[in-house]
Structure formats: C-alpha cells, structure tokens
N, C-alpha and C. Protein backbone atom coordinates (compact mmCIF):
# COMPACT_ATOMS: atom_id res chain seq x y z
N MET A 1 -21.54 8.06 -5.31
CA MET A 1 -21.59 6.64 -5.51
C MET A 1 -20.29 6.21 -6.20
N ILE A 2 -19.67 5.19 -5.69
CA ILE A 2 -18.45 4.65 -6.28
C ILE A 2 -18.85 3.76 -7.45
N LYS A 3 -18.32 4.05 -8.63
CA LYS A 3 -18.66 3.25 -9.80
C LYS A 3 -17.63 2.16 -10.07
N ASN A 4 -16.39 2.36 -9.61
CA ASN A 4 -15.36 1.39 -9.92
C ASN A 4 -14.21 1.54 -8.94
N ILE A 5 -13.60 0.44 -8.58
CA ILE A 5 -12.39 0.44 -7.77
C ILE A 5 -11.36 -0.36 -8.55
N THR A 6 -10.21 0.25 -8.80
CA THR A 6 -9.14 -0.41 -9.52
C THR A 6 -7.90 -0.40 -8.66
N ALA A 7 -7.28 -1.54 -8.50
CA ALA A 7 -6.06 -1.63 -7.71
C ALA A 7 -4.91 -1.04 -8.52
N GLY A 8 -4.13 -0.18 -7.87
CA GLY A 8 -2.96 0.41 -8.51
C GLY A 8 -1.70 -0.30 -8.07
N PRO A 9 -0.55 0.30 -8.35
CA PRO A 9 0.72 -0.32 -7.95
C PRO A 9 0.78 -0.57 -6.44
N GLY A 10 1.16 -1.77 -6.06
CA GLY A 10 1.30 -2.10 -4.65
C GLY A 10 0.01 -2.56 -4.00
N LEU A 11 -1.09 -2.55 -4.74
CA LEU A 11 -2.39 -2.92 -4.18
C LEU A 11 -2.97 -4.12 -4.92
N THR A 12 -3.81 -4.85 -4.22
CA THR A 12 -4.57 -5.92 -4.85
C THR A 12 -6.04 -5.70 -4.52
N MET A 13 -6.90 -6.21 -5.36
CA MET A 13 -8.33 -6.12 -5.10
C MET A 13 -8.97 -7.44 -5.47
N SER A 14 -9.87 -7.89 -4.62
CA SER A 14 -10.61 -9.11 -4.92
C SER A 14 -12.07 -8.89 -4.56
N GLY A 15 -12.92 -9.68 -5.16
CA GLY A 15 -14.35 -9.54 -4.91
C GLY A 15 -14.91 -8.33 -5.62
N GLY A 16 -16.16 -8.07 -5.37
CA GLY A 16 -16.81 -6.93 -5.99
C GLY A 16 -17.33 -7.29 -7.37
N THR A 17 -18.29 -6.53 -7.83
CA THR A 17 -18.85 -6.75 -9.15
C THR A 17 -18.93 -5.43 -9.89
N ALA A 18 -19.04 -5.51 -11.18
CA ALA A 18 -19.17 -4.32 -12.00
C ALA A 18 -20.46 -4.39 -12.80
N SER A 19 -21.56 -4.79 -12.15
CA SER A 19 -22.83 -4.88 -12.88
C SER A 19 -23.61 -3.58 -12.70
N TYR A 20 -24.22 -3.13 -13.76
CA TYR A 20 -24.99 -1.89 -13.75
C TYR A 20 -26.42 -2.20 -14.15
N GLN A 21 -27.35 -1.54 -13.52
CA GLN A 21 -28.76 -1.70 -13.84
C GLN A 21 -29.06 -0.91 -15.12
N TYR A 22 -29.65 -1.56 -16.12
CA TYR A 22 -30.02 -0.85 -17.34
C TYR A 22 -31.48 -0.40 -17.22
N ILE A 23 -31.69 0.87 -17.43
CA ILE A 23 -33.04 1.44 -17.39
C ILE A 23 -33.34 2.03 -18.75
N THR A 24 -34.44 1.57 -19.37
CA THR A 24 -34.84 2.10 -20.67
C THR A 24 -35.38 3.51 -20.49
N PRO A 25 -34.86 4.49 -21.20
CA PRO A 25 -35.36 5.85 -21.07
C PRO A 25 -36.84 5.92 -21.43
N ASN A 26 -37.58 6.72 -20.67
CA ASN A 26 -39.02 6.86 -20.90
C ASN A 26 -39.40 8.31 -20.64
N ALA A 27 -39.58 9.09 -21.70
CA ALA A 27 -39.91 10.51 -21.57
C ALA A 27 -41.28 10.72 -20.97
N ASN A 28 -42.17 9.72 -21.03
CA ASN A 28 -43.52 9.85 -20.49
C ASN A 28 -43.57 9.64 -18.97
N ASN A 29 -42.51 9.08 -18.41
CA ASN A 29 -42.49 8.84 -16.96
C ASN A 29 -41.21 9.46 -16.40
N PRO A 30 -41.31 10.70 -15.85
CA PRO A 30 -40.11 11.39 -15.37
C PRO A 30 -39.44 10.73 -14.16
N LEU A 31 -40.11 9.77 -13.51
CA LEU A 31 -39.49 9.09 -12.37
C LEU A 31 -38.52 8.00 -12.80
N THR A 32 -38.58 7.59 -14.05
CA THR A 32 -37.71 6.53 -14.55
C THR A 32 -36.24 6.92 -14.34
N GLY A 33 -35.50 6.03 -13.69
CA GLY A 33 -34.08 6.28 -13.43
C GLY A 33 -33.80 6.92 -12.08
N MET A 34 -34.84 7.29 -11.34
CA MET A 34 -34.62 7.87 -10.00
C MET A 34 -34.07 6.80 -9.07
N ILE A 35 -33.27 7.23 -8.13
CA ILE A 35 -32.64 6.32 -7.18
C ILE A 35 -33.11 6.69 -5.78
N ARG A 36 -33.34 5.68 -4.94
CA ARG A 36 -33.74 5.91 -3.55
C ARG A 36 -33.03 4.91 -2.64
N VAL A 37 -33.02 5.24 -1.37
CA VAL A 37 -32.54 4.31 -0.35
C VAL A 37 -33.77 3.76 0.35
N ASN A 38 -33.90 2.45 0.38
CA ASN A 38 -35.02 1.78 1.04
C ASN A 38 -34.43 0.83 2.07
N ASN A 39 -34.52 1.21 3.34
CA ASN A 39 -33.85 0.51 4.43
C ASN A 39 -32.35 0.50 4.15
N SER A 40 -31.77 -0.68 3.91
CA SER A 40 -30.33 -0.73 3.62
C SER A 40 -30.06 -0.98 2.14
N ASP A 41 -31.10 -0.91 1.32
CA ASP A 41 -30.96 -1.15 -0.11
C ASP A 41 -30.95 0.15 -0.90
N LEU A 42 -30.16 0.18 -1.95
CA LEU A 42 -30.18 1.26 -2.93
C LEU A 42 -31.00 0.75 -4.10
N GLN A 43 -32.04 1.51 -4.46
CA GLN A 43 -32.96 1.06 -5.50
C GLN A 43 -33.08 2.08 -6.61
N VAL A 44 -33.43 1.58 -7.81
CA VAL A 44 -33.66 2.44 -8.97
C VAL A 44 -35.06 2.13 -9.51
N PHE A 45 -35.77 3.18 -9.96
CA PHE A 45 -37.11 3.00 -10.53
C PHE A 45 -36.97 2.79 -12.03
N ASP A 46 -37.47 1.67 -12.53
CA ASP A 46 -37.32 1.33 -13.96
C ASP A 46 -38.50 1.78 -14.81
N GLY A 47 -39.42 2.52 -14.23
CA GLY A 47 -40.60 3.00 -14.95
C GLY A 47 -41.86 2.31 -14.50
N SER A 48 -41.69 1.11 -13.90
CA SER A 48 -42.88 0.41 -13.42
C SER A 48 -42.69 -0.10 -11.98
N MET A 49 -41.46 -0.33 -11.58
CA MET A 49 -41.21 -0.82 -10.21
C MET A 49 -39.80 -0.45 -9.74
N TRP A 50 -39.61 -0.50 -8.43
CA TRP A 50 -38.30 -0.23 -7.84
C TRP A 50 -37.50 -1.52 -7.84
N GLN A 51 -36.25 -1.45 -8.34
CA GLN A 51 -35.37 -2.62 -8.38
C GLN A 51 -34.13 -2.34 -7.52
N ASN A 52 -33.71 -3.37 -6.78
CA ASN A 52 -32.50 -3.22 -5.98
C ASN A 52 -31.28 -3.18 -6.89
N LEU A 53 -30.37 -2.28 -6.58
CA LEU A 53 -29.09 -2.24 -7.29
C LEU A 53 -28.19 -3.30 -6.68
N ALA A 54 -27.36 -3.89 -7.49
CA ALA A 54 -26.47 -4.95 -7.02
C ALA A 54 -25.50 -4.41 -5.97
N ALA A 55 -25.34 -5.16 -4.89
CA ALA A 55 -24.38 -4.80 -3.85
C ALA A 55 -23.03 -5.42 -4.19
N SER A 56 -21.97 -4.72 -3.83
CA SER A 56 -20.63 -5.20 -4.12
C SER A 56 -19.75 -4.94 -2.91
N TYR A 57 -18.93 -5.91 -2.55
CA TYR A 57 -18.09 -5.81 -1.37
C TYR A 57 -16.64 -6.16 -1.73
N PRO A 58 -15.95 -5.24 -2.39
CA PRO A 58 -14.56 -5.56 -2.75
C PRO A 58 -13.63 -5.48 -1.55
N THR A 59 -12.55 -6.21 -1.63
CA THR A 59 -11.51 -6.17 -0.62
C THR A 59 -10.24 -5.60 -1.26
N VAL A 60 -9.70 -4.56 -0.67
CA VAL A 60 -8.49 -3.94 -1.18
C VAL A 60 -7.39 -4.16 -0.16
N GLY A 61 -6.21 -4.56 -0.63
CA GLY A 61 -5.09 -4.80 0.27
C GLY A 61 -3.77 -4.52 -0.42
N LEU A 62 -2.69 -4.72 0.31
CA LEU A 62 -1.35 -4.52 -0.24
C LEU A 62 -0.87 -5.80 -0.91
N ASP A 63 -0.16 -5.66 -2.04
CA ASP A 63 0.37 -6.85 -2.69
C ASP A 63 1.55 -7.39 -1.88
N GLN A 64 2.00 -8.60 -2.19
CA GLN A 64 3.02 -9.27 -1.39
C GLN A 64 4.35 -8.51 -1.37
N ASP A 65 4.73 -7.93 -2.49
CA ASP A 65 5.99 -7.19 -2.55
C ASP A 65 5.95 -5.99 -1.60
N THR A 66 4.84 -5.27 -1.58
CA THR A 66 4.69 -4.12 -0.69
C THR A 66 4.70 -4.57 0.77
N GLN A 67 4.02 -5.67 1.06
CA GLN A 67 4.04 -6.21 2.43
C GLN A 67 5.46 -6.59 2.84
N ASP A 68 6.21 -7.22 1.92
CA ASP A 68 7.59 -7.60 2.22
C ASP A 68 8.45 -6.37 2.50
N LEU A 69 8.26 -5.31 1.69
CA LEU A 69 9.03 -4.07 1.91
C LEU A 69 8.70 -3.44 3.26
N LEU A 70 7.43 -3.44 3.63
CA LEU A 70 7.05 -2.89 4.93
C LEU A 70 7.65 -3.71 6.07
N GLN A 71 7.65 -5.04 5.92
CA GLN A 71 8.25 -5.87 6.96
C GLN A 71 9.75 -5.62 7.06
N TRP A 72 10.42 -5.44 5.91
CA TRP A 72 11.85 -5.13 5.91
C TRP A 72 12.09 -3.80 6.64
N ALA A 73 11.26 -2.80 6.36
CA ALA A 73 11.41 -1.49 7.01
C ALA A 73 11.20 -1.62 8.52
N ARG A 74 10.22 -2.42 8.92
CA ARG A 74 9.99 -2.63 10.36
C ARG A 74 11.21 -3.28 11.01
N THR A 75 11.78 -4.27 10.32
CA THR A 75 12.95 -4.97 10.85
C THR A 75 14.13 -4.01 10.98
N GLN A 76 14.34 -3.17 9.95
CA GLN A 76 15.45 -2.20 9.99
C GLN A 76 15.24 -1.19 11.12
N ARG A 77 14.00 -0.73 11.28
CA ARG A 77 13.69 0.21 12.37
C ARG A 77 13.99 -0.42 13.72
N GLN A 78 13.58 -1.69 13.91
CA GLN A 78 13.83 -2.37 15.17
C GLN A 78 15.33 -2.54 15.42
N LEU A 79 16.08 -2.86 14.36
CA LEU A 79 17.53 -2.99 14.48
C LEU A 79 18.15 -1.67 14.93
N GLU A 80 17.73 -0.57 14.30
CA GLU A 80 18.27 0.74 14.68
C GLU A 80 17.90 1.09 16.12
N GLN A 81 16.67 0.79 16.53
CA GLN A 81 16.26 1.06 17.91
C GLN A 81 17.07 0.22 18.89
N ASN A 82 17.30 -1.04 18.53
CA ASN A 82 18.10 -1.92 19.40
C ASN A 82 19.52 -1.41 19.54
N ARG A 83 20.11 -0.99 18.40
CA ARG A 83 21.48 -0.45 18.45
C ARG A 83 21.53 0.83 19.29
N ALA A 84 20.54 1.70 19.12
CA ALA A 84 20.52 2.95 19.89
C ALA A 84 20.42 2.66 21.38
N THR A 85 19.61 1.68 21.73
CA THR A 85 19.47 1.30 23.14
C THR A 85 20.78 0.71 23.67
N LEU A 86 21.42 -0.15 22.87
CA LEU A 86 22.71 -0.73 23.29
C LEU A 86 23.75 0.36 23.52
N VAL A 87 23.82 1.31 22.58
CA VAL A 87 24.81 2.38 22.71
C VAL A 87 24.51 3.25 23.92
N LYS A 88 23.23 3.52 24.16
CA LYS A 88 22.84 4.34 25.31
C LYS A 88 23.19 3.64 26.63
N ASN A 89 22.93 2.34 26.69
CA ASN A 89 23.17 1.58 27.92
C ASN A 89 24.63 1.16 28.09
N ASN A 90 25.40 1.18 27.00
CA ASN A 90 26.81 0.78 27.05
C ASN A 90 27.64 1.82 26.30
N PRO A 91 28.01 2.92 26.94
CA PRO A 91 28.75 3.98 26.27
C PRO A 91 30.02 3.50 25.57
N ALA A 92 30.59 2.40 26.00
CA ALA A 92 31.79 1.87 25.35
C ALA A 92 31.51 1.47 23.90
N LEU A 93 30.26 1.21 23.56
CA LEU A 93 29.89 0.81 22.21
C LEU A 93 29.78 2.02 21.26
N GLN A 94 29.75 3.23 21.81
CA GLN A 94 29.56 4.43 20.98
C GLN A 94 30.64 4.53 19.89
N LYS A 95 31.89 4.35 20.27
CA LYS A 95 32.98 4.46 19.30
C LYS A 95 32.88 3.36 18.25
N ALA A 96 32.53 2.15 18.66
CA ALA A 96 32.37 1.06 17.70
C ALA A 96 31.24 1.37 16.72
N TYR A 97 30.15 1.92 17.22
CA TYR A 97 29.01 2.25 16.37
C TYR A 97 29.39 3.35 15.37
N GLU A 98 30.12 4.35 15.84
CA GLU A 98 30.59 5.42 14.96
C GLU A 98 31.53 4.86 13.89
N ALA A 99 32.36 3.88 14.25
CA ALA A 99 33.26 3.26 13.28
C ALA A 99 32.46 2.50 12.21
N VAL A 100 31.39 1.85 12.61
CA VAL A 100 30.54 1.15 11.64
C VAL A 100 29.93 2.15 10.66
N LEU A 101 29.44 3.28 11.18
CA LEU A 101 28.85 4.30 10.31
C LEU A 101 29.89 4.87 9.34
N ARG A 102 31.09 5.12 9.84
CA ARG A 102 32.16 5.62 8.96
C ARG A 102 32.52 4.59 7.90
N ALA A 103 32.58 3.33 8.28
CA ALA A 103 32.89 2.26 7.32
C ALA A 103 31.83 2.19 6.22
N GLU A 104 30.57 2.34 6.58
CA GLU A 104 29.49 2.34 5.57
C GLU A 104 29.65 3.52 4.62
N GLU A 105 29.96 4.70 5.17
CA GLU A 105 30.17 5.89 4.33
C GLU A 105 31.36 5.69 3.40
N ASN A 106 32.44 5.14 3.94
CA ASN A 106 33.64 4.88 3.13
C ASN A 106 33.34 3.89 2.02
N PHE A 107 32.59 2.85 2.33
CA PHE A 107 32.26 1.85 1.32
C PHE A 107 31.46 2.49 0.18
N ASP A 108 30.44 3.29 0.54
CA ASP A 108 29.63 3.96 -0.48
C ASP A 108 30.50 4.87 -1.35
N LEU A 109 31.41 5.60 -0.72
CA LEU A 109 32.29 6.50 -1.46
C LEU A 109 33.19 5.72 -2.41
N LEU A 110 33.82 4.66 -1.90
CA LEU A 110 34.71 3.86 -2.74
C LEU A 110 33.95 3.16 -3.87
N ALA A 111 32.74 2.70 -3.60
CA ALA A 111 31.94 2.07 -4.65
C ALA A 111 31.60 3.07 -5.73
N THR A 112 31.34 4.31 -5.35
CA THR A 112 31.04 5.35 -6.33
C THR A 112 32.27 5.66 -7.17
N ILE A 113 33.40 5.76 -6.50
CA ILE A 113 34.65 6.04 -7.23
C ILE A 113 34.96 4.90 -8.20
N ALA A 114 34.74 3.68 -7.75
CA ALA A 114 35.01 2.52 -8.60
C ALA A 114 34.00 2.42 -9.74
N GLY A 115 32.90 3.17 -9.63
CA GLY A 115 31.89 3.16 -10.67
C GLY A 115 31.07 1.90 -10.72
N GLU A 116 31.09 1.14 -9.65
CA GLU A 116 30.40 -0.14 -9.63
C GLU A 116 28.99 -0.04 -9.08
N GLU A 117 28.78 0.79 -8.11
CA GLU A 117 27.48 0.85 -7.44
C GLU A 117 27.11 2.30 -7.18
N GLU A 118 25.82 2.53 -6.97
CA GLU A 118 25.36 3.84 -6.53
C GLU A 118 25.51 3.89 -5.02
N PRO A 119 25.71 5.07 -4.44
CA PRO A 119 25.84 5.16 -2.99
C PRO A 119 24.61 4.59 -2.29
N GLY A 120 24.85 3.75 -1.30
CA GLY A 120 23.77 3.20 -0.50
C GLY A 120 23.07 2.01 -1.14
N ILE A 121 23.41 1.69 -2.39
CA ILE A 121 22.77 0.57 -3.06
C ILE A 121 23.85 -0.45 -3.40
N VAL A 122 23.93 -1.46 -2.59
CA VAL A 122 24.93 -2.49 -2.80
C VAL A 122 24.18 -3.80 -2.98
N VAL A 123 24.26 -4.37 -4.15
CA VAL A 123 23.53 -5.57 -4.46
C VAL A 123 24.14 -6.73 -3.69
N GLY A 124 23.30 -7.46 -2.97
CA GLY A 124 23.73 -8.68 -2.31
C GLY A 124 24.33 -8.48 -0.93
N TYR A 125 24.42 -7.26 -0.45
CA TYR A 125 24.96 -7.06 0.89
C TYR A 125 24.21 -5.95 1.60
N ASN A 126 23.86 -6.18 2.84
CA ASN A 126 23.15 -5.19 3.64
C ASN A 126 23.92 -4.99 4.94
N PHE A 127 24.43 -3.79 5.13
CA PHE A 127 25.25 -3.51 6.32
C PHE A 127 24.41 -3.55 7.60
N ASN A 128 23.12 -3.39 7.47
CA ASN A 128 22.28 -3.28 8.66
C ASN A 128 21.75 -4.60 9.18
N THR A 129 22.09 -5.70 8.55
CA THR A 129 21.65 -6.98 9.06
C THR A 129 22.81 -7.69 9.71
N PRO A 130 22.54 -8.35 10.80
CA PRO A 130 23.65 -9.03 11.52
C PRO A 130 24.18 -10.21 10.75
C-alpha cells in the first residue's frame, strides 16, 4: 500500500489526500484493524463495523523547467537529424559542416584558455540554433 507520494526535483504533484483511518486498539477483538478488499473498496474493521478507507488520486507530472529542457533536447535532436540529412543528400555541405564543428571546438578551446567559460558552456550563445 502506498502511504505517501512526494514530488522530487523536476516533478510536480497535485490532488491526493493524506488522511488515515484511526482505529482504537482493542485487545478483546483481534479483528480490529484488519483490512479487506470489498468490490473496489479497501476497508478496515474498527471493532464494530467495516469502514471504507479514503481513496486518493494524485497526479504526478514534470515541472515546467523539466518540460522546457526536454523540448529543447527534442529541438536540438531534430536540428542534428536535419543537418545529417542535408549533408547526406548534398555531399558539398560535408566540408562546411566539418568547418562548423571545428569552429565550435576552437571556440571552446579559446574560451577555456581565456578563462572566461567552461568548454561547451557559453552563456547567451548557442551554436546549434540557426
């Protein structure tokens, strides 16, 4: 039985409840606290009658930042696939594409030497977007 759902980093959760059925302990009635399934209900015996346990229907999803990152990754993947297709269908573009890759490597190297940026992390500029 799931007792709790907590959203972690990158996740959101809405809905659901955290209510628990309180059953008074009763040593004279060993059935007190037993749980059963009755049709589609989960029930607990309180010593005198069966009570339905509260149903909860939480919704778990990705937070907006994670969704944005996934969309960015999809866009980058599509760009790379488009470039690969262009290069395959137009061999004359191969040298230009290789020059772009070399320029990106050179930029990362020079930025590292200059001590301004980490390789591959350039604030405010993305080589992969048109």
